[in-house]
């Protein structure tokens, strides 16, 4: 299981994974930060980007914050970096 730190930007003009800011992955979503809508959008975007099932991403810390930690299963850090365009 992989843990990723996220910096989530709700109310964005587009849903996108915008790269890393330090150790946190910047994720922009169009959803509002209310009633878990932004969290659902983040999970959906990460699953689509990483080509993994929806139940593979769980928000473990920061459910009501823009700084979140998610756990991702069914993949590796190397695969995440490759799909997100991170050069090692």
C-alpha atoms as a PDB file:
ATOM      1  CA  UNK A   1       0.000   0.000   0.000  1.00  0.00           C
ATOM      2  CA  UNK A   2       1.305   3.439  -0.987  1.00  0.00           C
ATOM      3  CA  UNK A   3       0.613   6.640   0.964  1.00  0.00           C
ATOM      4  CA  UNK A   4       0.554   9.943  -0.891  1.00  0.00           C
ATOM      5  CA  UNK A   5       0.315  13.440   0.515  1.00  0.00           C
ATOM      6  CA  UNK A   6      -2.021  15.650  -1.501  1.00  0.00           C
ATOM      7  CA  UNK A   7      -2.671  19.366  -1.755  1.00  0.00           C
ATOM      8  CA  UNK A   8      -6.219  19.569  -3.099  1.00  0.00           C
ATOM      9  CA  UNK A   9      -7.489  22.672  -4.885  1.00  0.00           C
ATOM     10  CA  UNK A  10     -11.323  22.552  -5.063  1.00  0.00           C
ATOM     11  CA  UNK A  11     -13.432  24.792  -7.338  1.00  0.00           C
ATOM     12  CA  UNK A  12     -10.781  24.569 -10.076  1.00  0.00           C
ATOM     13  CA  UNK A  13     -11.605  25.133 -13.722  1.00  0.00           C
ATOM     14  CA  UNK A  14     -10.450  21.613 -14.637  1.00  0.00           C
ATOM     15  CA  UNK A  15      -9.867  18.249 -12.961  1.00  0.00           C
ATOM     16  CA  UNK A  16      -6.156  17.496 -13.145  1.00  0.00           C
ATOM     17  CA  UNK A  17      -3.126  16.144 -11.360  1.00  0.00           C
ATOM     18  CA  UNK A  18      -0.826  19.157 -11.530  1.00  0.00           C
ATOM     19  CA  UNK A  19       2.452  17.618 -10.317  1.00  0.00           C
ATOM     20  CA  UNK A  20       4.331  17.760  -7.061  1.00  0.00           C
ATOM     21  CA  UNK A  21       4.743  20.696  -4.673  1.00  0.00           C
ATOM     22  CA  UNK A  22       7.549  19.483  -2.437  1.00  0.00           C
ATOM     23  CA  UNK A  23       6.413  16.086  -1.195  1.00  0.00           C
ATOM     24  CA  UNK A  24       2.706  16.688  -1.862  1.00  0.00           C
ATOM     25  CA  UNK A  25       0.911  15.935  -5.104  1.00  0.00           C
ATOM     26  CA  UNK A  26      -1.189  18.907  -6.258  1.00  0.00           C
ATOM     27  CA  UNK A  27      -4.640  17.801  -7.380  1.00  0.00           C
ATOM     28  CA  UNK A  28      -7.202  20.217  -8.828  1.00  0.00           C
ATOM     29  CA  UNK A  29     -10.892  19.308  -8.946  1.00  0.00           C
ATOM     30  CA  UNK A  30     -13.976  21.187 -10.097  1.00  0.00           C
ATOM     31  CA  UNK A  31     -16.055  19.874  -7.193  1.00  0.00           C
ATOM     32  CA  UNK A  32     -17.075  22.016  -4.228  1.00  0.00           C
ATOM     33  CA  UNK A  33     -15.409  21.323  -0.862  1.00  0.00           C
ATOM     34  CA  UNK A  34     -18.692  20.359   0.797  1.00  0.00           C
ATOM     35  CA  UNK A  35     -20.326  17.099   1.850  1.00  0.00           C
ATOM     36  CA  UNK A  36     -17.347  15.065   0.598  1.00  0.00           C
ATOM     37  CA  UNK A  37     -17.800  16.117  -3.040  1.00  0.00           C
ATOM     38  CA  UNK A  38     -14.170  17.187  -3.473  1.00  0.00           C
ATOM     39  CA  UNK A  39     -12.911  13.982  -1.821  1.00  0.00           C
ATOM     40  CA  UNK A  40     -14.995  11.865  -4.190  1.00  0.00           C
ATOM     41  CA  UNK A  41     -13.694  13.858  -7.155  1.00  0.00           C
ATOM     42  CA  UNK A  42     -10.092  13.405  -5.988  1.00  0.00           C
ATOM     43  CA  UNK A  43     -10.558   9.651  -5.632  1.00  0.00           C
ATOM     44  CA  UNK A  44     -12.213   9.404  -9.046  1.00  0.00           C
ATOM     45  CA  UNK A  45      -9.454  11.450 -10.703  1.00  0.00           C
ATOM     46  CA  UNK A  46      -6.635   9.455  -9.113  1.00  0.00           C
ATOM     47  CA  UNK A  47      -8.262   6.146 -10.048  1.00  0.00           C
ATOM     48  CA  UNK A  48      -8.791   7.276 -13.631  1.00  0.00           C
ATOM     49  CA  UNK A  49      -5.250   8.667 -13.916  1.00  0.00           C
ATOM     50  CA  UNK A  50      -3.647   5.573 -12.373  1.00  0.00           C
ATOM     51  CA  UNK A  51      -6.027   3.122 -14.102  1.00  0.00           C
ATOM     52  CA  UNK A  52      -6.970   1.378 -10.853  1.00  0.00           C
ATOM     53  CA  UNK A  53     -10.348   0.381  -9.335  1.00  0.00           C
ATOM     54  CA  UNK A  54     -12.304   3.006  -7.367  1.00  0.00           C
ATOM     55  CA  UNK A  55     -11.948   1.095  -4.104  1.00  0.00           C
ATOM     56  CA  UNK A  56      -8.126   1.286  -4.382  1.00  0.00           C
ATOM     57  CA  UNK A  57      -7.906   4.876  -3.074  1.00  0.00           C
ATOM     58  CA  UNK A  58      -8.926   5.870   0.454  1.00  0.00           C
ATOM     59  CA  UNK A  59      -8.558   9.243   2.192  1.00  0.00           C
ATOM     60  CA  UNK A  60      -6.968   8.354   5.550  1.00  0.00           C
ATOM     61  CA  UNK A  61      -6.199  11.852   6.902  1.00  0.00           C
ATOM     62  CA  UNK A  62      -7.527  15.312   6.125  1.00  0.00           C
ATOM     63  CA  UNK A  63     -11.048  14.514   4.968  1.00  0.00           C
ATOM     64  CA  UNK A  64     -12.105  18.113   5.717  1.00  0.00           C
ATOM     65  CA  UNK A  65      -8.791  19.762   4.820  1.00  0.00           C
ATOM     66  CA  UNK A  66      -7.094  20.676   1.570  1.00  0.00           C
ATOM     67  CA  UNK A  67      -4.027  18.765   2.811  1.00  0.00           C
ATOM     68  CA  UNK A  68      -4.817  15.065   2.645  1.00  0.00           C
ATOM     69  CA  UNK A  69      -3.113  11.705   2.872  1.00  0.00           C
ATOM     70  CA  UNK A  70      -4.479   8.907   0.708  1.00  0.00           C
ATOM     71  CA  UNK A  71      -3.658   5.227   0.671  1.00  0.00           C
ATOM     72  CA  UNK A  72      -3.464   3.581  -2.720  1.00  0.00           C
ATOM     73  CA  UNK A  73      -3.516  -0.164  -3.242  1.00  0.00           C
ATOM     74  CA  UNK A  74      -3.217  -2.280  -6.391  1.00  0.00           C
ATOM     75  CA  UNK A  75      -0.207  -0.318  -7.684  1.00  0.00           C
ATOM     76  CA  UNK A  76       3.425   0.546  -6.938  1.00  0.00           C
ATOM     77  CA  UNK A  77       5.245   3.835  -6.387  1.00  0.00           C
ATOM     78  CA  UNK A  78       7.135   3.266  -9.630  1.00  0.00           C
ATOM     79  CA  UNK A  79       3.849   2.880 -11.538  1.00  0.00           C
ATOM     80  CA  UNK A  80       2.426   6.002  -9.896  1.00  0.00           C
ATOM     81  CA  UNK A  81       5.503   8.025 -10.811  1.00  0.00           C
ATOM     82  CA  UNK A  82       5.426   6.754 -14.393  1.00  0.00           C
ATOM     83  CA  UNK A  83       1.733   7.533 -14.886  1.00  0.00           C
ATOM     84  CA  UNK A  84       2.117  10.979 -13.349  1.00  0.00           C
ATOM     85  CA  UNK A  85       5.161  11.760 -15.476  1.00  0.00           C
ATOM     86  CA  UNK A  86       7.637  11.921 -12.588  1.00  0.00           C
ATOM     87  CA  UNK A  87      11.253  11.450 -13.606  1.00  0.00           C
ATOM     88  CA  UNK A  88      13.503   9.540 -11.194  1.00  0.00           C
END
